[in-house]
Every structure is written in C-alpha cells, then in structure tokens.
C-alpha cells in the first residue's frame, strides 16, 4: 500500500519551518527542499505551501523581504524567526510523541 497522499493537518507548516531553519528561501526553494528531503511520500501542493507561508508569516513565525532569485526574477524570500524556531522545536517534539503512539497501536 502506498503512503497516504494527504499530509496530516499542520504537517505542511512544520515542514516549511524545518526547511527555513536551514536557510533563507523563496517559495519554490522551500517546495524543492521538501521534495528533495521528503521524497515522493511528501508531495506538497503549491496552494498549500503558499497558504502555509502566509499563515506562518502572519503568526510572526516567519519574516519576509523581496529580492532577486538566482535567475534574476523578483521573489519573496522567507526567514524563520526566533518564535518560529521555538514553534518548530515544539512541533517536532509533538510529532515524535504522536509517531510513537501510532507505532505502539499498530504494533510496530
């Protein structure tokens, strides 16, 4: 059986924060980072990614500024804030507890 195609609610935000914890990026770079590091089981739709970026910025977990991408196109670059790093730590900790509970229930 293939991995579920839909991500658990809230997972996209955690993945975006994780990607941006490594470097300042524009939206396509965030998407590429998730694709590269997560593989085919973690497909993130464009709309979900950009909604997450806006939501996280609105919550003060990301900041952004306009700049030029590697191909000289205007792009919005996002950076994780201190509050975003704290949220990421909390989310990762919660994710590990969730994973352990599900594995326990499934006998794994």
C-alpha atoms as a PDB file:
ATOM      1  CA  UNK A   1       0.000   0.000   0.000  1.00  0.00           C
ATOM      2  CA  UNK A   2       1.324   3.432  -0.887  1.00  0.00           C
ATOM      3  CA  UNK A   3       1.874   6.129   1.740  1.00  0.00           C
ATOM      4  CA  UNK A   4      -1.121   8.405   2.292  1.00  0.00           C
ATOM      5  CA  UNK A   5      -1.206  11.154  -0.324  1.00  0.00           C
ATOM      6  CA  UNK A   6      -2.597  13.771   2.052  1.00  0.00           C
ATOM      7  CA  UNK A   7      -0.376  15.161   4.778  1.00  0.00           C
ATOM      8  CA  UNK A   8      -1.653  15.227   8.348  1.00  0.00           C
ATOM      9  CA  UNK A   9      -3.166  18.629   9.106  1.00  0.00           C
ATOM     10  CA  UNK A  10      -0.447  21.020  10.306  1.00  0.00           C
ATOM     11  CA  UNK A  11       2.387  18.981   8.836  1.00  0.00           C
ATOM     12  CA  UNK A  12       2.987  21.405   5.959  1.00  0.00           C
ATOM     13  CA  UNK A  13       3.635  24.222   8.441  1.00  0.00           C
ATOM     14  CA  UNK A  14       6.157  22.071  10.303  1.00  0.00           C
ATOM     15  CA  UNK A  15       7.910  21.103   7.052  1.00  0.00           C
ATOM     16  CA  UNK A  16       8.075  24.744   5.933  1.00  0.00           C
ATOM     17  CA  UNK A  17       9.575  25.768   9.281  1.00  0.00           C
ATOM     18  CA  UNK A  18      12.084  22.916   9.019  1.00  0.00           C
ATOM     19  CA  UNK A  19      13.140  23.919   5.513  1.00  0.00           C
ATOM     20  CA  UNK A  20      13.566  27.542   6.536  1.00  0.00           C
ATOM     21  CA  UNK A  21      15.556  26.548   9.617  1.00  0.00           C
ATOM     22  CA  UNK A  22      18.347  25.635   7.191  1.00  0.00           C
ATOM     23  CA  UNK A  23      18.449  28.859   5.129  1.00  0.00           C
ATOM     24  CA  UNK A  24      16.528  31.872   3.831  1.00  0.00           C
ATOM     25  CA  UNK A  25      14.481  30.758   0.792  1.00  0.00           C
ATOM     26  CA  UNK A  26      11.775  31.821  -1.622  1.00  0.00           C
ATOM     27  CA  UNK A  27       8.671  29.667  -2.041  1.00  0.00           C
ATOM     28  CA  UNK A  28       9.932  27.486  -4.885  1.00  0.00           C
ATOM     29  CA  UNK A  29      13.130  26.762  -2.949  1.00  0.00           C
ATOM     30  CA  UNK A  30      11.062  25.686   0.075  1.00  0.00           C
ATOM     31  CA  UNK A  31       8.994  23.388  -2.164  1.00  0.00           C
ATOM     32  CA  UNK A  32      12.169  21.950  -3.740  1.00  0.00           C
ATOM     33  CA  UNK A  33      13.769  21.367  -0.327  1.00  0.00           C
ATOM     34  CA  UNK A  34      10.726  19.418   0.877  1.00  0.00           C
ATOM     35  CA  UNK A  35      10.621  17.382  -2.344  1.00  0.00           C
ATOM     36  CA  UNK A  36      14.347  16.631  -2.162  1.00  0.00           C
ATOM     37  CA  UNK A  37      14.429  15.675   1.517  1.00  0.00           C
ATOM     38  CA  UNK A  38      10.997  14.074   1.838  1.00  0.00           C
ATOM     39  CA  UNK A  39      10.777  12.082  -1.346  1.00  0.00           C
ATOM     40  CA  UNK A  40       7.610  11.039  -3.151  1.00  0.00           C
ATOM     41  CA  UNK A  41       5.658  10.318   0.045  1.00  0.00           C
ATOM     42  CA  UNK A  42       5.624  14.030   0.908  1.00  0.00           C
ATOM     43  CA  UNK A  43       4.008  15.781  -2.021  1.00  0.00           C
ATOM     44  CA  UNK A  44       3.090  19.360  -1.122  1.00  0.00           C
ATOM     45  CA  UNK A  45       0.697  21.192  -3.400  1.00  0.00           C
ATOM     46  CA  UNK A  46       1.642  24.732  -4.423  1.00  0.00           C
ATOM     47  CA  UNK A  47      -1.506  26.254  -2.916  1.00  0.00           C
ATOM     48  CA  UNK A  48      -0.921  24.525   0.429  1.00  0.00           C
ATOM     49  CA  UNK A  49       2.687  25.703   0.507  1.00  0.00           C
ATOM     50  CA  UNK A  50       1.898  29.357  -0.178  1.00  0.00           C
ATOM     51  CA  UNK A  51      -1.030  29.325   2.267  1.00  0.00           C
ATOM     52  CA  UNK A  52       1.346  27.964   4.887  1.00  0.00           C
ATOM     53  CA  UNK A  53       3.952  30.656   4.163  1.00  0.00           C
ATOM     54  CA  UNK A  54       1.326  33.400   4.527  1.00  0.00           C
ATOM     55  CA  UNK A  55      -0.135  31.833   7.676  1.00  0.00           C
ATOM     56  CA  UNK A  56       3.276  31.421   9.329  1.00  0.00           C
ATOM     57  CA  UNK A  57       4.317  34.955   8.434  1.00  0.00           C
ATOM     58  CA  UNK A  58       1.016  36.320   9.757  1.00  0.00           C
ATOM     59  CA  UNK A  59       1.666  34.474  13.024  1.00  0.00           C
ATOM     60  CA  UNK A  60       5.136  36.018  13.372  1.00  0.00           C
ATOM     61  CA  UNK A  61       6.913  32.707  12.842  1.00  0.00           C
ATOM     62  CA  UNK A  62       8.449  33.865   9.550  1.00  0.00           C
ATOM     63  CA  UNK A  63       9.614  37.181   8.194  1.00  0.00           C
ATOM     64  CA  UNK A  64       9.967  38.040   4.523  1.00  0.00           C
ATOM     65  CA  UNK A  65      11.550  40.506   2.156  1.00  0.00           C
ATOM     66  CA  UNK A  66      11.608  40.965  -1.583  1.00  0.00           C
ATOM     67  CA  UNK A  67      14.752  40.148  -3.535  1.00  0.00           C
ATOM     68  CA  UNK A  68      16.023  38.627  -6.758  1.00  0.00           C
ATOM     69  CA  UNK A  69      16.115  34.892  -7.294  1.00  0.00           C
ATOM     70  CA  UNK A  70      19.037  33.055  -8.877  1.00  0.00           C
ATOM     71  CA  UNK A  71      17.506  33.712 -12.315  1.00  0.00           C
ATOM     72  CA  UNK A  72      17.063  37.475 -11.610  1.00  0.00           C
ATOM     73  CA  UNK A  73      13.310  37.254 -11.018  1.00  0.00           C
ATOM     74  CA  UNK A  74      11.665  39.172  -8.226  1.00  0.00           C
ATOM     75  CA  UNK A  75      10.779  36.797  -5.377  1.00  0.00           C
ATOM     76  CA  UNK A  76       9.704  36.967  -1.750  1.00  0.00           C
ATOM     77  CA  UNK A  77      12.353  35.412   0.496  1.00  0.00           C
ATOM     78  CA  UNK A  78      11.316  33.953   3.849  1.00  0.00           C
ATOM     79  CA  UNK A  79      13.322  33.552   7.048  1.00  0.00           C
ATOM     80  CA  UNK A  80      12.392  31.775  10.249  1.00  0.00           C
ATOM     81  CA  UNK A  81      12.107  33.970  13.354  1.00  0.00           C
ATOM     82  CA  UNK A  82      13.070  33.098  16.924  1.00  0.00           C
ATOM     83  CA  UNK A  83       9.417  32.350  17.628  1.00  0.00           C
ATOM     84  CA  UNK A  84       9.386  30.115  14.544  1.00  0.00           C
ATOM     85  CA  UNK A  85      12.393  28.153  15.817  1.00  0.00           C
ATOM     86  CA  UNK A  86      10.678  27.662  19.182  1.00  0.00           C
ATOM     87  CA  UNK A  87       7.479  26.505  17.445  1.00  0.00           C
ATOM     88  CA  UNK A  88       9.485  24.093  15.285  1.00  0.00           C
ATOM     89  CA  UNK A  89      11.092  22.538  18.383  1.00  0.00           C
ATOM     90  CA  UNK A  90       7.650  22.099  19.963  1.00  0.00           C
ATOM     91  CA  UNK A  91       6.127  20.663  16.775  1.00  0.00           C
ATOM     92  CA  UNK A  92       8.969  18.180  16.247  1.00  0.00           C
ATOM     93  CA  UNK A  93       8.703  17.019  19.852  1.00  0.00           C
ATOM     94  CA  UNK A  94       4.933  16.584  19.487  1.00  0.00           C
ATOM     95  CA  UNK A  95       5.392  14.769  16.175  1.00  0.00           C
ATOM     96  CA  UNK A  96       7.766  12.250  17.776  1.00  0.00           C
ATOM     97  CA  UNK A  97       5.266  11.553  20.579  1.00  0.00           C
ATOM     98  CA  UNK A  98       2.471  11.144  18.005  1.00  0.00           C
ATOM     99  CA  UNK A  99       4.565   8.786  15.870  1.00  0.00           C
ATOM    100  CA  UNK A 100       5.483   6.637  18.885  1.00  0.00           C
ATOM    101  CA  UNK A 101       1.825   6.399  19.958  1.00  0.00           C
ATOM    102  CA  UNK A 102       0.668   5.360  16.475  1.00  0.00           C
ATOM    103  CA  UNK A 103       3.501   2.828  16.142  1.00  0.00           C
ATOM    104  CA  UNK A 104       2.575   1.387  19.516  1.00  0.00           C
ATOM    105  CA  UNK A 105      -1.038   0.997  18.445  1.00  0.00           C
ATOM    106  CA  UNK A 106      -0.048  -0.601  15.151  1.00  0.00           C
ATOM    107  CA  UNK A 107       2.347  -2.987  16.837  1.00  0.00           C
ATOM    108  CA  UNK A 108       5.456  -1.506  15.242  1.00  0.00           C
END
